[in-house]
Each structure stands twice: as C-alpha cells, then as structure tokens.
Amino acid sequence: MASSETNAPSDPHNTQSTHANTNSNSESNVPNPYFLNSNENLGNILVTQPLLGMRNYHSWSRAMVLALTAKKKIGFVNGKLPMPDVDSSLYEDWQSCNTMVLSWLINSMHIDVSSSIMYCETARETWLELKHLFSQGNGPKINKRKFPTFLKIK
C-alpha cells in the first residue's frame, strides 16, 4: 500500500524514496535527487577517462554531465539544487549528496588537476572552477599555472 503521507513527485526536497511505491502513477516514480542508492559510494568512478586538463575538458565534462544526469545528481553541479539553509531539515541530505558528487568529480581527475580544486566547498563551486580553468579561451591562464606539460593543450 502507498503511504498516506506523500510529497509532490517533482519536489527535490522529498527525502522518501519514491520508486518503492509501485501502486502509484508514473509521475510519482520520479526519483528523488537526495536518494543515494546502496551501490553509490565515495570511491565510484563515473567516467572512463580522467580529466587531464584543457586537452580533454570538453569531452570529460560531457561524460560527467551524462553520468550525473543518469544518477539524478546533475542539479548539484548545474545549480538547480543549491545548498539549503543550514537550519533546514534538508541540509543533511543535501550535504551527503553534495559530498558524494564532489567525491565522484575528484575521483575522475588526474591528481594534478584535483589538487587545484581540492578545497572547493561544493560540487557546483568545483564545476565552475574547472570550467574557468579548462574551458576553451583560458589557455593563457592555464599556461601560467604550474601544471605538468602533459596537462597543457598542444
């Protein structure tokens, strides 16, 4: 039987797992972005090629967007799931998922790249910093940094 207490299915703040309810219409089966599956862990690597720098940033970011979209976590990097107020009942769930996404991002980078963003607080901040560092048109900024030669576009 379905629970008598339900939240709107498109509400990202619904912390109940909505796919457990098989007696509801298809709209209520929209997964909750705060839901973490038991096979999702901090050590997961979501893409096959690590971010090396400018030379593969665009293909890496596209692969990450696809992977995060499939996991319903893209809102943590595109800004659609901003950090709730610390006093909010959603803060702990948001913090757990943000940490998971941040870990997935870091695990998919070369160590020299990850060390440059290690202290970003949120997945969104990390995503924007990577875009700033490696997106096309930032060549002179990158070359002034002390990245190993293989990280620089040739």
C-alpha atoms as a PDB file:
ATOM      1  CA  MET A   1       0.000   0.000   0.000  1.00  0.00           C
ATOM      2  CA  ALA A   2       1.085   3.541  -0.625  1.00  0.00           C
ATOM      3  CA  SER A   3       1.978   5.747   2.286  1.00  0.00           C
ATOM      4  CA  SER A   4      -0.738   8.171   3.358  1.00  0.00           C
ATOM      5  CA  GLU A   5       1.891  10.912   3.515  1.00  0.00           C
ATOM      6  CA  THR A   6       3.218  11.855   0.084  1.00  0.00           C
ATOM      7  CA  ASN A   7       5.123  14.788  -1.250  1.00  0.00           C
ATOM      8  CA  ALA A   8       4.840  16.140  -4.762  1.00  0.00           C
ATOM      9  CA  PRO A   9       6.827  13.784  -7.012  1.00  0.00           C
ATOM     10  CA  SER A  10       8.794  16.572  -8.625  1.00  0.00           C
ATOM     11  CA  ASP A  11       9.752  18.042  -5.251  1.00  0.00           C
ATOM     12  CA  PRO A  12      13.547  17.600  -4.958  1.00  0.00           C
ATOM     13  CA  HIS A  13      13.162  18.010  -1.214  1.00  0.00           C
ATOM     14  CA  ASN A  14      11.109  14.815  -0.879  1.00  0.00           C
ATOM     15  CA  THR A  15      13.518  12.632   1.089  1.00  0.00           C
ATOM     16  CA  GLN A  16      11.453   9.469   0.761  1.00  0.00           C
ATOM     17  CA  SER A  17      12.433   7.011  -1.941  1.00  0.00           C
ATOM     18  CA  THR A  18       9.631   7.381  -4.470  1.00  0.00           C
ATOM     19  CA  HIS A  19      10.463   4.357  -6.584  1.00  0.00           C
ATOM     20  CA  ALA A  20       9.445   1.966  -3.793  1.00  0.00           C
ATOM     21  CA  ASN A  21       5.780   2.765  -4.423  1.00  0.00           C
ATOM     22  CA  THR A  22       4.595   0.573  -7.299  1.00  0.00           C
ATOM     23  CA  ASN A  23       0.882   1.327  -6.883  1.00  0.00           C
ATOM     24  CA  SER A  24       1.126   4.959  -7.964  1.00  0.00           C
ATOM     25  CA  ASN A  25       1.024   6.703 -11.305  1.00  0.00           C
ATOM     26  CA  SER A  26       4.197   7.234 -13.331  1.00  0.00           C
ATOM     27  CA  GLU A  27       4.675  10.822 -12.113  1.00  0.00           C
ATOM     28  CA  SER A  28       5.207   9.658  -8.526  1.00  0.00           C
ATOM     29  CA  ASN A  29       8.033   7.386  -9.720  1.00  0.00           C
ATOM     30  CA  VAL A  30      10.303  10.370 -10.381  1.00  0.00           C
ATOM     31  CA  PRO A  31      13.469   9.618  -8.371  1.00  0.00           C
ATOM     32  CA  ASN A  32      14.467  11.918  -5.566  1.00  0.00           C
ATOM     33  CA  PRO A  33      17.822  13.681  -6.187  1.00  0.00           C
ATOM     34  CA  TYR A  34      18.672  13.244  -2.494  1.00  0.00           C
ATOM     35  CA  PHE A  35      18.281   9.474  -2.686  1.00  0.00           C
ATOM     36  CA  LEU A  36      21.584   7.572  -2.561  1.00  0.00           C
ATOM     37  CA  ASN A  37      21.447   4.025  -3.856  1.00  0.00           C
ATOM     38  CA  SER A  38      23.328   1.415  -1.837  1.00  0.00           C
ATOM     39  CA  ASN A  39      25.760   0.863  -4.740  1.00  0.00           C
ATOM     40  CA  GLU A  40      26.716   4.556  -4.835  1.00  0.00           C
ATOM     41  CA  ASN A  41      29.814   5.215  -2.783  1.00  0.00           C
ATOM     42  CA  LEU A  42      32.623   7.731  -2.456  1.00  0.00           C
ATOM     43  CA  GLY A  43      35.027   5.542  -4.422  1.00  0.00           C
ATOM     44  CA  ASN A  44      32.915   5.293  -7.571  1.00  0.00           C
ATOM     45  CA  ILE A  45      34.492   6.486 -10.800  1.00  0.00           C
ATOM     46  CA  LEU A  46      31.789   7.642 -13.194  1.00  0.00           C
ATOM     47  CA  VAL A  47      33.784   8.201 -16.394  1.00  0.00           C
ATOM     48  CA  THR A  48      36.460   6.115 -18.070  1.00  0.00           C
ATOM     49  CA  GLN A  49      38.888   8.909 -18.940  1.00  0.00           C
ATOM     50  CA  PRO A  50      40.177  11.149 -16.136  1.00  0.00           C
ATOM     51  CA  LEU A  51      40.237  14.904 -16.572  1.00  0.00           C
ATOM     52  CA  LEU A  52      43.768  15.803 -17.657  1.00  0.00           C
ATOM     53  CA  GLY A  53      43.254  19.495 -18.313  1.00  0.00           C
ATOM     54  CA  MET A  54      42.393  21.575 -21.342  1.00  0.00           C
ATOM     55  CA  ARG A  55      43.010  18.842 -23.885  1.00  0.00           C
ATOM     56  CA  ASN A  56      40.092  16.684 -22.709  1.00  0.00           C
ATOM     57  CA  TYR A  57      37.986  19.045 -20.577  1.00  0.00           C
ATOM     58  CA  HIS A  58      35.060  19.271 -23.008  1.00  0.00           C
ATOM     59  CA  SER A  59      34.723  15.523 -23.589  1.00  0.00           C
ATOM     60  CA  TRP A  60      35.237  14.839 -19.867  1.00  0.00           C
ATOM     61  CA  SER A  61      32.608  17.391 -18.825  1.00  0.00           C
ATOM     62  CA  ARG A  62      30.113  15.960 -21.336  1.00  0.00           C
ATOM     63  CA  ALA A  63      30.699  12.441 -19.997  1.00  0.00           C
ATOM     64  CA  MET A  64      30.247  13.704 -16.413  1.00  0.00           C
ATOM     65  CA  VAL A  65      27.009  15.505 -17.321  1.00  0.00           C
ATOM     66  CA  LEU A  66      25.657  12.278 -18.804  1.00  0.00           C
ATOM     67  CA  ALA A  67      26.710  10.206 -15.780  1.00  0.00           C
ATOM     68  CA  LEU A  68      25.372  12.698 -13.220  1.00  0.00           C
ATOM     69  CA  THR A  69      22.122  13.078 -15.157  1.00  0.00           C
ATOM     70  CA  ALA A  70      21.661   9.298 -15.170  1.00  0.00           C
ATOM     71  CA  LYS A  71      22.171   9.278 -11.391  1.00  0.00           C
ATOM     72  CA  LYS A  72      19.769  12.230 -10.887  1.00  0.00           C
ATOM     73  CA  LYS A  73      22.603  14.301  -9.390  1.00  0.00           C
ATOM     74  CA  ILE A  74      23.165  16.861 -12.171  1.00  0.00           C
ATOM     75  CA  GLY A  75      21.420  19.538 -10.079  1.00  0.00           C
ATOM     76  CA  PHE A  76      24.387  19.596  -7.717  1.00  0.00           C
ATOM     77  CA  VAL A  77      26.698  20.879 -10.463  1.00  0.00           C
ATOM     78  CA  ASN A  78      24.337  22.933 -12.628  1.00  0.00           C
ATOM     79  CA  GLY A  79      22.987  24.986  -9.736  1.00  0.00           C
ATOM     80  CA  LYS A  80      19.418  23.646  -9.749  1.00  0.00           C
ATOM     81  CA  LEU A  81      19.886  22.120  -6.283  1.00  0.00           C
ATOM     82  CA  PRO A  82      21.515  24.925  -4.298  1.00  0.00           C
ATOM     83  CA  MET A  83      22.613  24.430  -0.720  1.00  0.00           C
ATOM     84  CA  PRO A  84      19.635  24.810   1.631  1.00  0.00           C
ATOM     85  CA  ASP A  85      19.906  26.872   4.783  1.00  0.00           C
ATOM     86  CA  VAL A  86      21.970  25.119   7.465  1.00  0.00           C
ATOM     87  CA  ASP A  87      18.904  25.079   9.729  1.00  0.00           C
ATOM     88  CA  SER A  88      16.770  23.396   7.057  1.00  0.00           C
ATOM     89  CA  SER A  89      15.699  19.794   7.562  1.00  0.00           C
ATOM     90  CA  LEU A  90      17.083  19.157   4.061  1.00  0.00           C
ATOM     91  CA  TYR A  91      20.597  20.327   4.830  1.00  0.00           C
ATOM     92  CA  GLU A  92      21.986  16.940   5.928  1.00  0.00           C
ATOM     93  CA  ASP A  93      20.585  15.150   2.869  1.00  0.00           C
ATOM     94  CA  TRP A  94      21.918  17.875   0.581  1.00  0.00           C
ATOM     95  CA  GLN A  95      25.324  17.780   2.294  1.00  0.00           C
ATOM     96  CA  SER A  96      25.575  13.987   1.921  1.00  0.00           C
ATOM     97  CA  CYS A  97      24.731  14.095  -1.776  1.00  0.00           C
ATOM     98  CA  ASN A  98      26.956  17.103  -2.448  1.00  0.00           C
ATOM     99  CA  THR A  99      29.861  15.285  -0.785  1.00  0.00           C
ATOM    100  CA  MET A 100      29.172  12.194  -2.882  1.00  0.00           C
ATOM    101  CA  VAL A 101      29.108  14.204  -6.130  1.00  0.00           C
ATOM    102  CA  LEU A 102      32.237  16.109  -5.098  1.00  0.00           C
ATOM    103  CA  SER A 103      33.992  12.797  -4.480  1.00  0.00           C
ATOM    104  CA  TRP A 104      32.904  11.463  -7.884  1.00  0.00           C
ATOM    105  CA  LEU A 105      34.279  14.586  -9.547  1.00  0.00           C
ATOM    106  CA  ILE A 106      37.608  14.364  -7.721  1.00  0.00           C
ATOM    107  CA  ASN A 107      37.927  10.627  -8.434  1.00  0.00           C
ATOM    108  CA  SER A 108      37.589  11.336 -12.155  1.00  0.00           C
ATOM    109  CA  MET A 109      40.545  13.737 -12.359  1.00  0.00           C
ATOM    110  CA  HIS A 110      44.288  13.412 -12.676  1.00  0.00           C
ATOM    111  CA  ILE A 111      45.870  14.113  -9.288  1.00  0.00           C
ATOM    112  CA  ASP A 112      47.454  17.345 -10.541  1.00  0.00           C
ATOM    113  CA  VAL A 113      44.026  18.631 -11.568  1.00  0.00           C
ATOM    114  CA  SER A 114      42.253  17.518  -8.402  1.00  0.00           C
ATOM    115  CA  SER A 115      44.859  19.163  -6.208  1.00  0.00           C
ATOM    116  CA  SER A 116      43.967  22.532  -7.746  1.00  0.00           C
ATOM    117  CA  ILE A 117      40.292  22.266  -6.708  1.00  0.00           C
ATOM    118  CA  MET A 118      40.547  20.120  -3.569  1.00  0.00           C
ATOM    119  CA  TYR A 119      39.340  22.870  -1.264  1.00  0.00           C
ATOM    120  CA  CYS A 120      36.207  23.872  -3.144  1.00  0.00           C
ATOM    121  CA  GLU A 121      33.274  23.518  -0.742  1.00  0.00           C
ATOM    122  CA  THR A 122      30.550  22.378  -3.136  1.00  0.00           C
ATOM    123  CA  ALA A 123      30.204  20.324  -6.292  1.00  0.00           C
ATOM    124  CA  ARG A 124      28.847  23.451  -8.009  1.00  0.00           C
ATOM    125  CA  GLU A 125      31.864  25.530  -6.971  1.00  0.00           C
ATOM    126  CA  THR A 126      34.176  22.769  -8.210  1.00  0.00           C
ATOM    127  CA  TRP A 127      32.339  22.512 -11.533  1.00  0.00           C
ATOM    128  CA  LEU A 128      32.555  26.259 -12.126  1.00  0.00           C
ATOM    129  CA  GLU A 129      36.239  26.357 -11.165  1.00  0.00           C
ATOM    130  CA  LEU A 130      37.047  23.550 -13.613  1.00  0.00           C
ATOM    131  CA  LYS A 131      35.143  25.367 -16.335  1.00  0.00           C
ATOM    132  CA  HIS A 132      37.061  28.544 -15.554  1.00  0.00           C
ATOM    133  CA  LEU A 133      40.407  26.741 -15.609  1.00  0.00           C
ATOM    134  CA  PHE A 134      39.980  24.492 -18.619  1.00  0.00           C
ATOM    135  CA  SER A 135      37.225  25.806 -20.835  1.00  0.00           C
ATOM    136  CA  GLN A 136      38.363  26.992 -24.258  1.00  0.00           C
ATOM    137  CA  GLY A 137      39.716  30.512 -24.276  1.00  0.00           C
ATOM    138  CA  ASN A 138      41.539  30.208 -20.956  1.00  0.00           C
ATOM    139  CA  GLY A 139      44.819  28.995 -22.460  1.00  0.00           C
ATOM    140  CA  PRO A 140      46.994  31.865 -21.191  1.00  0.00           C
ATOM    141  CA  LYS A 141      45.608  31.452 -17.661  1.00  0.00           C
ATOM    142  CA  ILE A 142      46.358  27.735 -17.671  1.00  0.00           C
ATOM    143  CA  ASN A 143      49.875  28.100 -19.059  1.00  0.00           C
ATOM    144  CA  LYS A 144      50.771  30.486 -16.231  1.00  0.00           C
ATOM    145  CA  ARG A 145      49.856  27.799 -13.699  1.00  0.00           C
ATOM    146  CA  LYS A 146      52.379  25.133 -12.838  1.00  0.00           C
ATOM    147  CA  PHE A 147      50.622  22.137 -14.365  1.00  0.00           C
ATOM    148  CA  PRO A 148      52.782  19.390 -15.844  1.00  0.00           C
ATOM    149  CA  THR A 149      53.360  19.655 -19.593  1.00  0.00           C
ATOM    150  CA  PHE A 150      51.020  16.766 -20.416  1.00  0.00           C
ATOM    151  CA  LEU A 151      48.118  18.718 -18.885  1.00  0.00           C
ATOM    152  CA  LYS A 152      48.577  21.650 -21.280  1.00  0.00           C
ATOM    153  CA  ILE A 153      46.960  21.663 -24.681  1.00  0.00           C
ATOM    154  CA  LYS A 154      49.398  21.479 -27.558  1.00  0.00           C
END
